[in-house]
């Protein structure tokens, strides 16, 4: 680990001690980004030593695509299940004096808010994937 990366980690630890749990998530994200960047540099250096030019890995792109689609499907299922409403209503009835018989039907509906939330989820996933692709190609 180079001196700058070591200083960054030490600074993050010091900030964590001062700020406490309120900023723990942001500090962790920054620390993970720095460590990830350092690992990438070391892997690139080792690949160059072996004569292999570092390039986009196909598996990283596949994992990003499949992972985001999987999360999107899961988020869609949870959203639609949570925001859907089920109603039971009589479909047909027969009255024979003191005897009453009804055939019931069940309908499930999804609100407009549920549909809009699902669209928002998929738009967010598309934006993240586009940003990832642009970052990997160096255009972002």
Protein backbone atom coordinates (compact mmCIF):
# COMPACT_ATOMS: atom_id res chain seq x y z
CA UNK A 1 0.00 0.00 0.00
CA UNK A 2 1.46 3.38 -0.94
CA UNK A 3 1.92 6.18 1.58
CA UNK A 4 -1.07 8.20 0.37
CA UNK A 5 -3.46 5.26 0.66
CA UNK A 6 -2.14 4.53 4.14
CA UNK A 7 -2.69 8.17 5.13
CA UNK A 8 -6.24 8.07 3.70
CA UNK A 9 -7.10 5.00 5.75
CA UNK A 10 -5.63 6.55 8.89
CA UNK A 11 -7.57 9.77 8.27
CA UNK A 12 -10.81 7.85 7.77
CA UNK A 13 -10.26 6.02 11.05
CA UNK A 14 -9.59 9.31 12.86
CA UNK A 15 -12.72 10.90 11.39
CA UNK A 16 -14.74 7.86 12.43
CA UNK A 17 -13.53 8.25 16.01
CA UNK A 18 -14.51 11.93 16.05
CA UNK A 19 -17.85 11.80 14.23
CA UNK A 20 -19.19 8.52 15.54
CA UNK A 21 -21.94 6.34 14.09
CA UNK A 22 -23.83 9.13 12.32
CA UNK A 23 -21.35 9.22 9.45
CA UNK A 24 -20.31 5.58 9.57
CA UNK A 25 -21.94 4.69 6.23
CA UNK A 26 -20.32 7.53 4.30
CA UNK A 27 -16.92 6.82 5.82
CA UNK A 28 -17.21 3.12 5.04
CA UNK A 29 -18.11 3.84 1.42
CA UNK A 30 -15.12 6.14 1.04
CA UNK A 31 -12.82 3.63 2.65
CA UNK A 32 -14.08 0.80 0.46
CA UNK A 33 -13.58 2.98 -2.63
CA UNK A 34 -10.00 3.77 -1.63
CA UNK A 35 -9.18 0.15 -0.86
CA UNK A 36 -10.81 -0.99 -4.10
CA UNK A 37 -8.80 1.57 -6.05
CA UNK A 38 -5.58 0.39 -4.40
CA UNK A 39 -6.38 -3.25 -5.20
CA UNK A 40 -7.13 -2.31 -8.82
CA UNK A 41 -3.76 -0.56 -9.10
CA UNK A 42 -1.92 -3.58 -7.73
CA UNK A 43 -3.75 -6.00 -10.03
CA UNK A 44 -3.07 -3.77 -13.04
CA UNK A 45 0.63 -3.58 -12.12
CA UNK A 46 0.87 -7.37 -11.83
CA UNK A 47 -0.90 -7.86 -15.14
CA UNK A 48 1.47 -5.43 -16.84
CA UNK A 49 4.45 -7.34 -15.39
CA UNK A 50 3.15 -10.47 -17.10
CA UNK A 51 2.62 -8.67 -20.38
CA UNK A 52 -1.17 -8.63 -20.14
CA UNK A 53 -2.83 -5.31 -20.78
CA UNK A 54 -5.48 -4.56 -18.14
CA UNK A 55 -8.89 -4.30 -19.76
CA UNK A 56 -12.53 -4.55 -18.87
CA UNK A 57 -13.30 -7.95 -17.58
CA UNK A 58 -16.26 -9.63 -19.15
CA UNK A 59 -17.28 -11.26 -15.88
CA UNK A 60 -17.51 -7.93 -14.07
CA UNK A 61 -19.89 -6.64 -16.71
CA UNK A 62 -21.97 -9.82 -16.64
CA UNK A 63 -22.13 -9.73 -12.84
CA UNK A 64 -23.20 -6.09 -12.88
CA UNK A 65 -25.89 -6.74 -15.46
CA UNK A 66 -27.28 -9.91 -13.90
CA UNK A 67 -27.01 -8.52 -10.39
CA UNK A 68 -28.91 -5.36 -11.24
CA UNK A 69 -31.62 -7.30 -13.11
CA UNK A 70 -31.95 -9.70 -10.18
CA UNK A 71 -32.25 -6.82 -7.72
CA UNK A 72 -34.74 -5.12 -10.02
CA UNK A 73 -36.93 -8.19 -10.22
CA UNK A 74 -36.81 -8.60 -6.46
CA UNK A 75 -37.61 -4.93 -5.85
CA UNK A 76 -40.47 -5.11 -8.35
CA UNK A 77 -41.94 -8.19 -6.67
CA UNK A 78 -41.75 -6.64 -3.22
CA UNK A 79 -43.21 -3.34 -4.43
CA UNK A 80 -46.10 -4.93 -6.30
CA UNK A 81 -46.85 -7.32 -3.43
CA UNK A 82 -46.76 -4.55 -0.84
CA UNK A 83 -48.80 -2.01 -2.81
CA UNK A 84 -51.36 -4.40 -4.30
CA UNK A 85 -54.79 -4.76 -2.81
CA UNK A 86 -56.99 -7.84 -2.87
CA UNK A 87 -60.75 -7.57 -2.69
CA UNK A 88 -63.32 -10.32 -2.32
CA UNK A 89 -66.80 -9.63 -3.67
CA UNK A 90 -69.86 -11.74 -4.41
CA UNK A 91 -70.00 -12.92 -8.01
CA UNK A 92 -73.40 -14.60 -7.92
CA UNK A 93 -75.94 -15.35 -5.23
CA UNK A 94 -78.96 -17.56 -4.68
CA UNK A 95 -81.64 -16.90 -2.05
CA UNK A 96 -83.91 -19.84 -1.22
CA UNK A 97 -85.89 -18.73 1.77
CA UNK A 98 -83.69 -19.14 4.83
CA UNK A 99 -80.82 -20.53 2.74
CA UNK A 100 -78.38 -18.18 1.05
CA UNK A 101 -75.55 -19.22 -1.24
CA UNK A 102 -72.96 -16.95 -2.84
CA UNK A 103 -70.13 -17.51 -5.23
CA UNK A 104 -67.27 -15.21 -4.38
CA UNK A 105 -64.60 -13.78 -6.64
CA UNK A 106 -61.24 -12.32 -5.72
CA UNK A 107 -59.60 -9.49 -7.60
CA UNK A 108 -56.12 -8.11 -7.14
CA UNK A 109 -55.25 -4.63 -8.30
CA UNK A 110 -52.12 -2.53 -8.34
CA UNK A 111 -52.36 1.19 -7.73
CA UNK A 112 -50.98 3.81 -10.06
CA UNK A 113 -48.43 4.68 -7.36
CA UNK A 114 -47.22 1.07 -7.44
CA UNK A 115 -46.75 1.16 -11.19
CA UNK A 116 -44.92 4.49 -11.00
CA UNK A 117 -42.66 3.14 -8.25
CA UNK A 118 -41.78 0.09 -10.36
CA UNK A 119 -40.98 2.35 -13.34
CA UNK A 120 -38.80 4.50 -11.06
CA UNK A 121 -36.94 1.40 -9.83
CA UNK A 122 -36.13 0.29 -13.39
CA UNK A 123 -35.12 3.81 -14.47
CA UNK A 124 -32.72 3.98 -11.50
CA UNK A 125 -31.26 0.60 -12.45
CA UNK A 126 -30.80 1.76 -16.06
CA UNK A 127 -29.04 4.96 -14.91
CA UNK A 128 -26.69 3.00 -12.64
CA UNK A 129 -25.84 0.54 -15.42
CA UNK A 130 -25.22 3.32 -17.95
CA UNK A 131 -23.02 5.20 -15.47
CA UNK A 132 -21.11 1.99 -14.74
CA UNK A 133 -20.56 1.32 -18.44
CA UNK A 134 -19.42 4.88 -19.09
CA UNK A 135 -17.08 4.82 -16.09
CA UNK A 136 -15.53 1.54 -17.20
CA UNK A 137 -14.86 2.95 -20.68
CA UNK A 138 -13.45 6.18 -19.27
CA UNK A 139 -16.15 8.46 -20.68
CA UNK A 140 -17.55 9.53 -17.34
